[in-house]
Amino acid sequence: MFDEAFSKMDGPNQRTLLDFYRAIGLQVVIAAPTEKRAVVYENLDYIIDVFRSGDVSLAESIRIKDRARTEMRAANPQNVTDDELAERLGLKASAAE
């Protein structure tokens, strides 16, 4: 169980560490506030949201499938080269004109 352990780590390093944990058969549980979770989504298998209102708690489980994880990684600017990012932003076409 890690409580905000990846909050200061960039996406590629998170992925490397979580891939290592997966390779050695370690199941990792990460606690993170909502505003910080977007950084780790592409490296997760499940998201379990826990909501509390007074004495009542509710848990909701969401499975992230392989295709969604792949698409999130592809959309993450930290996972592309500078040239690929410039092309996505249309900077290469603008510089050539």
C-alpha atoms as a PDB file:
ATOM      1  CA  MET A   1       0.000   0.000   0.000  1.00  0.00           C
ATOM      2  CA  PHE A   2       1.447   3.343  -1.072  1.00  0.00           C
ATOM      3  CA  ASP A   3      -0.022   6.642   0.125  1.00  0.00           C
ATOM      4  CA  GLU A   4       0.740   9.267  -2.536  1.00  0.00           C
ATOM      5  CA  ALA A   5       4.095   7.578  -3.191  1.00  0.00           C
ATOM      6  CA  PHE A   6       4.090   8.538  -6.883  1.00  0.00           C
ATOM      7  CA  SER A   7       2.938  12.148  -6.508  1.00  0.00           C
ATOM      8  CA  LYS A   8       6.427  13.599  -7.121  1.00  0.00           C
ATOM      9  CA  MET A   9       7.367  11.127  -9.868  1.00  0.00           C
ATOM     10  CA  ASP A  10       6.879  11.745 -13.597  1.00  0.00           C
ATOM     11  CA  GLY A  11       4.874   9.367 -15.788  1.00  0.00           C
ATOM     12  CA  PRO A  12       7.754   7.400 -17.355  1.00  0.00           C
ATOM     13  CA  ASN A  13       9.338   6.724 -13.956  1.00  0.00           C
ATOM     14  CA  GLN A  14       5.968   5.718 -12.480  1.00  0.00           C
ATOM     15  CA  ARG A  15       5.420   3.319 -15.354  1.00  0.00           C
ATOM     16  CA  THR A  16       8.919   1.826 -14.980  1.00  0.00           C
ATOM     17  CA  LEU A  17       8.453   1.256 -11.269  1.00  0.00           C
ATOM     18  CA  LEU A  18       4.908  -0.125 -11.600  1.00  0.00           C
ATOM     19  CA  ASP A  19       5.985  -2.386 -14.486  1.00  0.00           C
ATOM     20  CA  PHE A  20       8.765  -3.692 -12.250  1.00  0.00           C
ATOM     21  CA  TYR A  21       6.319  -4.374  -9.416  1.00  0.00           C
ATOM     22  CA  ARG A  22       4.018  -6.162 -11.883  1.00  0.00           C
ATOM     23  CA  ALA A  23       6.955  -8.250 -13.219  1.00  0.00           C
ATOM     24  CA  ILE A  24       7.845  -9.496  -9.739  1.00  0.00           C
ATOM     25  CA  GLY A  25       4.193 -10.296  -9.009  1.00  0.00           C
ATOM     26  CA  LEU A  26       3.575  -7.524  -6.488  1.00  0.00           C
ATOM     27  CA  GLN A  27       0.043  -6.161  -6.318  1.00  0.00           C
ATOM     28  CA  VAL A  28       0.221  -2.446  -5.580  1.00  0.00           C
ATOM     29  CA  VAL A  29      -2.498  -0.353  -3.976  1.00  0.00           C
ATOM     30  CA  ILE A  30      -2.065   3.401  -4.386  1.00  0.00           C
ATOM     31  CA  ALA A  31      -3.945   6.027  -2.387  1.00  0.00           C
ATOM     32  CA  ALA A  32      -4.114   9.383  -4.138  1.00  0.00           C
ATOM     33  CA  PRO A  33      -6.399  12.411  -4.050  1.00  0.00           C
ATOM     34  CA  THR A  34      -8.589  12.940  -7.110  1.00  0.00           C
ATOM     35  CA  GLU A  35      -6.566  15.882  -8.457  1.00  0.00           C
ATOM     36  CA  LYS A  36      -3.340  13.830  -8.531  1.00  0.00           C
ATOM     37  CA  ARG A  37      -4.690  10.597  -9.995  1.00  0.00           C
ATOM     38  CA  ALA A  38      -4.644  11.656 -13.645  1.00  0.00           C
ATOM     39  CA  VAL A  39      -0.869  11.259 -13.591  1.00  0.00           C
ATOM     40  CA  VAL A  40      -1.069   7.560 -12.662  1.00  0.00           C
ATOM     41  CA  TYR A  41      -4.225   6.487 -14.545  1.00  0.00           C
ATOM     42  CA  GLU A  42      -2.274   5.113 -17.508  1.00  0.00           C
ATOM     43  CA  ASN A  43      -0.401   2.761 -15.164  1.00  0.00           C
ATOM     44  CA  LEU A  44      -3.366   1.326 -13.262  1.00  0.00           C
ATOM     45  CA  ASP A  45      -5.562  -1.726 -13.722  1.00  0.00           C
ATOM     46  CA  TYR A  46      -8.391  -0.604 -11.438  1.00  0.00           C
ATOM     47  CA  ILE A  47      -9.568   2.582  -9.783  1.00  0.00           C
ATOM     48  CA  ILE A  48     -11.607   2.252  -6.630  1.00  0.00           C
ATOM     49  CA  ASP A  49     -13.250   5.470  -5.514  1.00  0.00           C
ATOM     50  CA  VAL A  50     -14.407   5.605  -1.922  1.00  0.00           C
ATOM     51  CA  PHE A  51     -17.044   8.179  -1.041  1.00  0.00           C
ATOM     52  CA  ARG A  52     -18.200   9.024   2.457  1.00  0.00           C
ATOM     53  CA  SER A  53     -21.163  11.063   3.593  1.00  0.00           C
ATOM     54  CA  GLY A  54     -21.669  11.088   7.322  1.00  0.00           C
ATOM     55  CA  ASP A  55     -21.831   7.483   8.492  1.00  0.00           C
ATOM     56  CA  VAL A  56     -22.336   6.057   4.992  1.00  0.00           C
ATOM     57  CA  SER A  57     -19.469   4.936   2.738  1.00  0.00           C
ATOM     58  CA  LEU A  58     -19.708   3.799  -0.864  1.00  0.00           C
ATOM     59  CA  ALA A  59     -16.997   2.224  -3.025  1.00  0.00           C
ATOM     60  CA  GLU A  60     -17.068   2.203  -6.823  1.00  0.00           C
ATOM     61  CA  SER A  61     -14.664   0.076  -8.860  1.00  0.00           C
ATOM     62  CA  ILE A  62     -13.622   0.939 -12.421  1.00  0.00           C
ATOM     63  CA  ARG A  63     -11.448  -1.367 -14.515  1.00  0.00           C
ATOM     64  CA  ILE A  64      -9.034   0.260 -16.946  1.00  0.00           C
ATOM     65  CA  LYS A  65      -8.716  -2.020 -19.949  1.00  0.00           C
ATOM     66  CA  ASP A  66      -5.539  -2.439 -21.982  1.00  0.00           C
ATOM     67  CA  ARG A  67      -6.769  -0.349 -24.908  1.00  0.00           C
ATOM     68  CA  ALA A  68      -7.733   2.575 -22.676  1.00  0.00           C
ATOM     69  CA  ARG A  69      -4.360   2.389 -20.925  1.00  0.00           C
ATOM     70  CA  THR A  70      -2.566   2.319 -24.308  1.00  0.00           C
ATOM     71  CA  GLU A  71      -4.572   5.321 -25.547  1.00  0.00           C
ATOM     72  CA  MET A  72      -3.854   7.275 -22.354  1.00  0.00           C
ATOM     73  CA  ARG A  73      -0.125   6.562 -22.708  1.00  0.00           C
ATOM     74  CA  ALA A  74      -0.192   7.643 -26.363  1.00  0.00           C
ATOM     75  CA  ALA A  75      -1.978  10.894 -25.456  1.00  0.00           C
ATOM     76  CA  ASN A  76       0.438  11.741 -22.644  1.00  0.00           C
ATOM     77  CA  PRO A  77       3.000  14.326 -23.835  1.00  0.00           C
ATOM     78  CA  GLN A  78       5.595  12.880 -21.431  1.00  0.00           C
ATOM     79  CA  ASN A  79       5.670   9.709 -23.535  1.00  0.00           C
ATOM     80  CA  VAL A  80       6.532  11.302 -26.885  1.00  0.00           C
ATOM     81  CA  THR A  81       9.670  12.819 -28.339  1.00  0.00           C
ATOM     82  CA  ASP A  82      10.034  16.569 -28.811  1.00  0.00           C
ATOM     83  CA  ASP A  83       9.541  16.133 -32.576  1.00  0.00           C
ATOM     84  CA  GLU A  84       6.325  14.120 -32.093  1.00  0.00           C
ATOM     85  CA  LEU A  85       5.009  16.721 -29.658  1.00  0.00           C
ATOM     86  CA  ALA A  86       5.839  19.573 -32.043  1.00  0.00           C
ATOM     87  CA  GLU A  87       4.012  17.723 -34.819  1.00  0.00           C
ATOM     88  CA  ARG A  88       0.939  17.200 -32.596  1.00  0.00           C
ATOM     89  CA  LEU A  89       0.903  20.887 -31.762  1.00  0.00           C
ATOM     90  CA  GLY A  90       1.277  21.851 -35.404  1.00  0.00           C
ATOM     91  CA  LEU A  91       4.601  23.549 -34.773  1.00  0.00           C
ATOM     92  CA  LYS A  92       6.471  21.615 -37.459  1.00  0.00           C
ATOM     93  CA  ALA A  93       4.068  22.689 -40.171  1.00  0.00           C
ATOM     94  CA  SER A  94       4.174  26.304 -38.949  1.00  0.00           C
ATOM     95  CA  ALA A  95       7.985  26.357 -38.849  1.00  0.00           C
ATOM     96  CA  ALA A  96       8.195  25.013 -42.404  1.00  0.00           C
ATOM     97  CA  GLU A  97       5.905  27.745 -43.801  1.00  0.00           C
END
